[in-house]
Protein backbone atom coordinates (compact mmCIF):
# COMPACT_ATOMS: atom_id res chain seq x y z
CA UNK A 1 -51.04 -22.28 34.04
CA UNK A 2 -53.75 -23.06 31.65
CA UNK A 3 -53.66 -26.00 29.23
CA UNK A 4 -53.58 -23.71 26.31
CA UNK A 5 -50.30 -22.02 27.88
CA UNK A 6 -48.76 -25.37 28.56
CA UNK A 7 -49.48 -26.76 24.95
CA UNK A 8 -47.66 -23.57 23.68
CA UNK A 9 -44.65 -23.94 25.87
CA UNK A 10 -44.91 -27.75 25.08
CA UNK A 11 -44.55 -27.02 21.02
CA UNK A 12 -42.03 -24.17 21.48
CA UNK A 13 -39.55 -26.74 23.22
CA UNK A 14 -40.48 -29.30 20.30
CA UNK A 15 -40.04 -26.77 17.85
CA UNK A 16 -36.33 -26.12 19.37
CA UNK A 17 -35.67 -29.59 19.53
CA UNK A 18 -36.50 -30.43 15.84
CA UNK A 19 -34.55 -27.51 14.66
CA UNK A 20 -31.40 -28.42 16.42
CA UNK A 21 -31.72 -31.98 15.27
CA UNK A 22 -32.10 -30.93 11.75
CA UNK A 23 -29.19 -28.54 11.99
CA UNK A 24 -27.09 -31.37 13.24
CA UNK A 25 -27.80 -33.54 10.39
CA UNK A 26 -27.19 -30.67 7.87
CA UNK A 27 -23.66 -30.14 9.69
CA UNK A 28 -22.96 -33.91 9.37
CA UNK A 29 -23.17 -33.55 5.66
CA UNK A 30 -21.42 -30.33 5.44
CA UNK A 31 -18.63 -31.94 7.17
CA UNK A 32 -18.21 -34.51 4.49
CA UNK A 33 -18.72 -32.12 1.49
CA UNK A 34 -16.60 -28.88 2.45
CA UNK A 35 -13.09 -30.20 2.47
CA UNK A 36 -13.60 -31.43 -1.27
CA UNK A 37 -15.39 -28.38 -2.18
CA UNK A 38 -14.60 -24.76 -1.39
CA UNK A 39 -17.19 -22.69 -3.08
CA UNK A 40 -18.01 -24.33 -6.48
CA UNK A 41 -20.66 -26.86 -6.41
CA UNK A 42 -21.07 -26.56 -2.56
CA UNK A 43 -24.87 -26.15 -2.24
CA UNK A 44 -25.54 -28.42 -5.03
CA UNK A 45 -23.59 -31.21 -3.62
CA UNK A 46 -25.52 -30.66 -0.27
CA UNK A 47 -28.88 -30.71 -2.01
CA UNK A 48 -28.17 -34.20 -3.62
CA UNK A 49 -27.33 -35.78 -0.39
CA UNK A 50 -30.60 -37.46 1.01
CA UNK A 51 -29.38 -37.08 4.72
CA UNK A 52 -29.01 -33.20 4.34
CA UNK A 53 -32.55 -33.13 2.75
CA UNK A 54 -33.83 -35.14 5.78
CA UNK A 55 -31.96 -32.43 8.25
CA UNK A 56 -33.73 -29.41 6.27
CA UNK A 57 -37.29 -31.35 6.43
CA UNK A 58 -36.92 -31.88 10.10
CA UNK A 59 -35.31 -28.57 11.09
CA UNK A 60 -37.02 -26.30 8.72
CA UNK A 61 -40.30 -28.29 8.16
CA UNK A 62 -40.98 -29.80 11.56
CA UNK A 63 -39.26 -27.11 13.65
CA UNK A 64 -41.37 -24.26 11.84
CA UNK A 65 -44.74 -26.04 12.10
CA UNK A 66 -44.23 -26.51 15.97
CA UNK A 67 -42.80 -22.97 16.21
CA UNK A 68 -45.96 -21.63 14.31
CA UNK A 69 -48.38 -23.61 16.79
CA UNK A 70 -46.43 -22.20 19.88
CA UNK A 71 -46.52 -18.55 18.31
CA UNK A 72 -50.32 -18.89 17.90
CA UNK A 73 -50.94 -19.97 21.47
CA UNK A 74 -48.44 -17.71 23.47
CA UNK A 75 -47.05 -15.31 21.10
CA UNK A 76 -43.63 -13.98 19.90
CA UNK A 77 -42.31 -12.82 23.37
CA UNK A 78 -41.95 -16.30 24.85
CA UNK A 79 -41.66 -18.73 21.90
CA UNK A 80 -38.05 -17.76 20.81
CA UNK A 81 -36.74 -18.36 24.52
CA UNK A 82 -38.52 -21.79 24.50
CA UNK A 83 -37.00 -22.70 21.07
CA UNK A 84 -33.35 -22.11 22.26
CA UNK A 85 -34.09 -24.76 24.78
CA UNK A 86 -33.26 -27.35 21.95
CA UNK A 87 -29.55 -26.34 22.37
CA UNK A 88 -29.36 -29.12 25.05
CA UNK A 89 -29.87 -31.45 22.11
CA UNK A 90 -27.39 -29.43 19.98
CA UNK A 91 -24.48 -29.59 22.71
CA UNK A 92 -25.04 -33.48 23.07
CA UNK A 93 -25.43 -34.31 19.45
CA UNK A 94 -22.64 -32.14 18.36
CA UNK A 95 -20.20 -34.05 20.38
CA UNK A 96 -21.92 -37.57 19.80
CA UNK A 97 -22.71 -37.26 15.98
CA UNK A 98 -20.35 -34.87 14.60
CA UNK A 99 -17.21 -35.52 16.73
CA UNK A 100 -17.16 -31.75 17.75
CA UNK A 101 -15.36 -30.88 21.20
CA UNK A 102 -16.35 -28.27 23.75
CA UNK A 103 -13.80 -26.73 26.15
CA UNK A 104 -14.86 -25.59 29.82
CA UNK A 105 -15.86 -21.82 28.80
CA UNK A 106 -18.07 -23.27 25.91
CA UNK A 107 -19.82 -25.73 28.31
CA UNK A 108 -20.25 -22.79 30.76
CA UNK A 109 -21.60 -20.54 27.92
CA UNK A 110 -24.02 -23.10 26.91
CA UNK A 111 -25.11 -23.37 30.49
CA UNK A 112 -25.54 -19.26 30.83
CA UNK A 113 -27.63 -19.52 27.53
CA UNK A 114 -29.94 -22.18 28.85
CA UNK A 115 -30.32 -20.17 32.00
CA UNK A 116 -30.81 -17.05 30.11
CA UNK A 117 -33.62 -18.58 28.07
CA UNK A 118 -35.24 -19.79 31.29
CA UNK A 119 -35.27 -16.22 32.57
CA UNK A 120 -36.79 -14.91 29.45
CA UNK A 121 -39.45 -17.66 29.48
CA UNK A 122 -40.35 -16.85 33.11
CA UNK A 123 -40.94 -13.01 32.18
CA UNK A 124 -44.31 -13.89 31.16
CA UNK A 125 -44.40 -11.58 28.27
CA UNK A 126 -47.29 -12.83 26.42
CA UNK A 127 -48.79 -11.21 23.26
CA UNK A 128 -51.95 -12.58 21.71
CA UNK A 129 -53.36 -12.08 18.09
CA UNK A 130 -55.75 -9.29 19.09
CA UNK A 131 -52.89 -7.17 20.26
CA UNK A 132 -51.16 -7.90 17.10
CA UNK A 133 -54.07 -6.67 14.90
CA UNK A 134 -54.53 -3.64 16.96
CA UNK A 135 -50.80 -2.78 16.60
CA UNK A 136 -51.23 -3.31 12.89
CA UNK A 137 -53.82 -0.57 12.79
CA UNK A 138 -51.78 2.05 14.43
CA UNK A 139 -49.81 4.15 12.16
CA UNK A 140 -47.10 5.01 14.65
CA UNK A 141 -46.75 1.12 15.42
CA UNK A 142 -46.33 0.57 11.43
CA UNK A 143 -43.55 3.38 11.61
CA UNK A 144 -41.88 1.56 14.56
CA UNK A 145 -41.97 -1.88 12.73
CA UNK A 146 -40.50 -0.29 9.56
CA UNK A 147 -37.55 0.98 11.67
CA UNK A 148 -37.14 -2.39 13.54
CA UNK A 149 -37.17 -4.13 10.06
CA UNK A 150 -34.98 -2.09 8.41
CA UNK A 151 -32.56 -1.95 11.43
CA UNK A 152 -32.35 -5.72 11.49
CA UNK A 153 -31.45 -5.75 7.61
CA UNK A 154 -28.83 -3.44 8.00
CA UNK A 155 -27.30 -5.29 10.91
CA UNK A 156 -27.49 -8.40 8.82
CA UNK A 157 -25.59 -7.05 6.03
CA UNK A 158 -22.94 -5.35 8.10
CA UNK A 159 -22.37 -8.80 9.85
CA UNK A 160 -22.06 -10.48 6.40
CA UNK A 161 -19.74 -7.67 5.47
CA UNK A 162 -17.40 -8.44 8.39
CA UNK A 163 -17.37 -12.17 7.84
CA UNK A 164 -15.63 -11.32 4.42
CA UNK A 165 -12.98 -9.16 6.48
CA UNK A 166 -12.34 -10.98 9.62
CA UNK A 167 -11.84 -14.43 8.13
CA UNK A 168 -10.71 -16.14 11.44
CA UNK A 169 -14.26 -15.31 12.66
CA UNK A 170 -15.91 -15.94 9.33
CA UNK A 171 -18.56 -18.67 10.57
CA UNK A 172 -19.38 -16.71 13.54
CA UNK A 173 -20.18 -13.53 11.82
CA UNK A 174 -22.35 -15.34 9.18
CA UNK A 175 -24.13 -17.01 12.39
CA UNK A 176 -24.92 -13.45 13.86
CA UNK A 177 -26.27 -12.28 10.31
CA UNK A 178 -28.46 -15.38 10.58
CA UNK A 179 -29.61 -14.39 14.10
CA UNK A 180 -30.79 -11.02 12.86
CA UNK A 181 -32.56 -12.77 9.79
CA UNK A 182 -34.33 -14.87 12.35
CA UNK A 183 -35.24 -11.96 14.51
CA UNK A 184 -37.15 -10.64 11.26
CA UNK A 185 -38.80 -13.94 10.72
CA UNK A 186 -39.93 -14.26 14.61
CA UNK A 187 -41.51 -11.08 14.18
CA UNK A 188 -43.25 -11.35 10.89
CA UNK A 189 -44.79 -14.50 11.44
CA UNK A 190 -47.04 -12.60 13.94
CA UNK A 191 -49.00 -10.58 11.26
CA UNK A 192 -49.33 -13.45 9.26
CA UNK A 193 -50.78 -15.60 11.89
CA UNK A 194 -52.93 -12.64 13.04
CA UNK A 195 -54.29 -11.85 9.45
CA UNK A 196 -54.45 -15.30 7.67
CA UNK A 197 -57.87 -16.10 8.71
CA UNK A 198 -59.07 -12.63 7.84
CA UNK A 199 -57.45 -12.52 4.59
CA UNK A 200 -58.70 -16.23 3.51
CA UNK A 201 -62.17 -15.16 4.55
CA UNK A 202 -61.93 -12.12 2.33
CA UNK A 203 -62.71 -9.64 5.17
CA UNK A 204 -59.09 -8.03 5.09
CA UNK A 205 -58.75 -4.29 4.42
CA UNK A 206 -56.31 -3.41 1.74
CA UNK A 207 -53.92 -2.25 4.34
CA UNK A 208 -54.12 -5.85 6.11
CA UNK A 209 -53.87 -7.58 2.79
CA UNK A 210 -50.60 -5.57 1.87
CA UNK A 211 -49.17 -6.27 5.28
CA UNK A 212 -50.07 -10.15 4.90
CA UNK A 213 -48.65 -10.31 1.54
CA UNK A 214 -45.35 -8.45 2.81
CA UNK A 215 -45.05 -10.95 5.76
CA UNK A 216 -45.38 -13.96 3.40
CA UNK A 217 -42.60 -12.48 1.25
CA UNK A 218 -40.23 -11.62 4.26
CA UNK A 219 -40.96 -15.27 5.67
CA UNK A 220 -39.89 -16.83 2.44
CA UNK A 221 -36.67 -14.84 1.95
CA UNK A 222 -35.67 -15.30 5.50
CA UNK A 223 -36.23 -19.13 5.32
CA UNK A 224 -34.20 -19.50 2.18
CA UNK A 225 -31.53 -17.13 3.28
CA UNK A 226 -31.13 -18.63 6.74
CA UNK A 227 -30.88 -22.15 5.30
CA UNK A 228 -28.13 -21.08 2.82
CA UNK A 229 -26.18 -19.11 5.45
CA UNK A 230 -26.36 -21.88 7.88
CA UNK A 231 -24.37 -24.16 5.51
CA UNK A 232 -21.84 -21.33 5.01
CA UNK A 233 -21.26 -20.86 8.75
CA UNK A 234 -21.10 -24.70 9.13
CA UNK A 235 -18.12 -24.71 6.86
CA UNK A 236 -15.99 -22.73 8.88
CA UNK A 237 -17.13 -23.36 12.62
CA UNK A 238 -18.62 -26.16 14.91
CA UNK A 239 -22.54 -26.04 15.02
CA UNK A 240 -22.12 -26.08 18.91
CA UNK A 241 -20.67 -22.61 18.37
CA UNK A 242 -22.47 -21.19 15.34
CA UNK A 243 -26.03 -21.90 16.81
CA UNK A 244 -25.55 -20.43 20.22
CA UNK A 245 -23.96 -17.44 18.74
CA UNK A 246 -26.83 -16.71 16.31
CA UNK A 247 -29.08 -16.96 19.53
CA UNK A 248 -27.80 -13.64 20.83
CA UNK A 249 -29.80 -11.28 18.74
CA UNK A 250 -32.68 -13.81 18.75
CA UNK A 251 -33.22 -13.75 22.43
CA UNK A 252 -32.61 -9.89 22.78
CA UNK A 253 -35.25 -8.87 19.87
CA UNK A 254 -38.46 -10.18 21.77
CA UNK A 255 -37.93 -7.65 24.43
CA UNK A 256 -37.65 -4.86 21.79
CA UNK A 257 -40.86 -6.15 20.19
CA UNK A 258 -42.61 -6.11 23.49
CA UNK A 259 -41.40 -2.80 24.71
CA UNK A 260 -40.67 -0.90 21.48
CA UNK A 261 -43.07 -2.02 18.78
CA UNK A 262 -46.04 -3.13 20.85
CA UNK A 263 -45.07 -0.40 23.71
CA UNK A 264 -46.72 -2.81 26.38
CA UNK A 265 -46.30 -2.66 30.23
CA UNK A 266 -44.94 -5.86 31.65
CA UNK A 267 -47.16 -7.96 33.97
CA UNK A 268 -44.96 -7.66 37.12
CA UNK A 269 -41.64 -5.74 38.39
CA UNK A 270 -40.19 -9.58 38.70
CA UNK A 271 -40.87 -9.66 34.75
CA UNK A 272 -38.26 -6.78 34.37
CA UNK A 273 -35.78 -8.46 36.17
CA UNK A 274 -36.19 -11.76 34.35
CA UNK A 275 -35.99 -10.01 30.98
CA UNK A 276 -32.74 -7.89 32.11
CA UNK A 277 -31.11 -11.19 33.59
CA UNK A 278 -31.95 -13.43 30.61
CA UNK A 279 -30.72 -10.83 27.87
CA UNK A 280 -27.43 -10.24 29.81
CA UNK A 281 -26.83 -14.00 30.25
CA UNK A 282 -27.43 -14.53 26.60
CA UNK A 283 -25.01 -11.78 25.60
CA UNK A 284 -22.14 -13.20 27.72
CA UNK A 285 -22.75 -16.71 26.25
CA UNK A 286 -22.53 -15.49 22.87
CA UNK A 287 -19.11 -13.93 23.49
CA UNK A 288 -18.09 -17.07 25.39
CA UNK A 289 -18.96 -19.30 22.65
CA UNK A 290 -17.77 -17.00 19.74
CA UNK A 291 -14.10 -16.75 20.89
CA UNK A 292 -12.98 -20.04 19.41
CA UNK A 293 -10.70 -19.42 16.40
CA UNK A 294 -11.93 -21.19 13.17
CA UNK A 295 -9.83 -23.15 10.80
CA UNK A 296 -10.29 -22.16 7.17
CA UNK A 297 -11.42 -24.77 4.51
CA UNK A 298 -8.03 -24.52 2.70
CA UNK A 299 -5.99 -25.29 5.84
CA UNK A 300 -8.15 -28.32 6.46
CA UNK A 301 -7.52 -29.74 3.07
CA UNK A 302 -3.84 -29.76 3.98
CA UNK A 303 -4.28 -31.48 7.19
């Protein structure tokens, strides 16, 4: 393994640790606020809490910075899997910091998720900036990107719709919706990284400039919506359940990106085994972690 690759792996893991640490801090504040505030003024009270702001800076700021470095070095197929390694911090911190509990099946589910992430990371599905730029010049690849993006948006909206209908799983469905938004963010950060130097140097074509602007808008929209929806999910479910459930689409999407959008051939047959095993373990883990019934805020107020 080259120093370039190892540096990318290190920043991918660091990004996951910072993201989960930030979410633990956010969840700690949500626990203090949610019982006294149903919907009115909920986000306003969070924003005014210094600890919540620190959580956002650490998770969204620090986590995204490390994530972007990792994406630049090793591409979109491996980075999401490495980021999920931060769930070890989440599992320990949820119990230590926020007083959450994990039953045997949920501990097993987290173990499966970590194993699934390891399998996906071992698949070796690297994608570089040159491949991204080549894809952006292919009209059929652009059509596949449109279908992929539209599909994720539809799935996100469907999950949010289900969260309003199935109230005892509200937090979990919001988490899944966030997972689809994260998939969008994970993909669209690649055109931004691949084109930013060309755009800033003034050498971009009109198509490249439009794609770059679209990437910026999608990333800003996803970042704001993910932050807001995370707090909504934290109102109704434990962070140790919400975050791993959101990882299910996040860990499966890179497989679609590699085989469907980029239409690449895996480096070896063993890579296919790792991909299939990692995806299967991730899905099973999501079901195990999403089974816990949630306690509505109104009921908690009566406790």
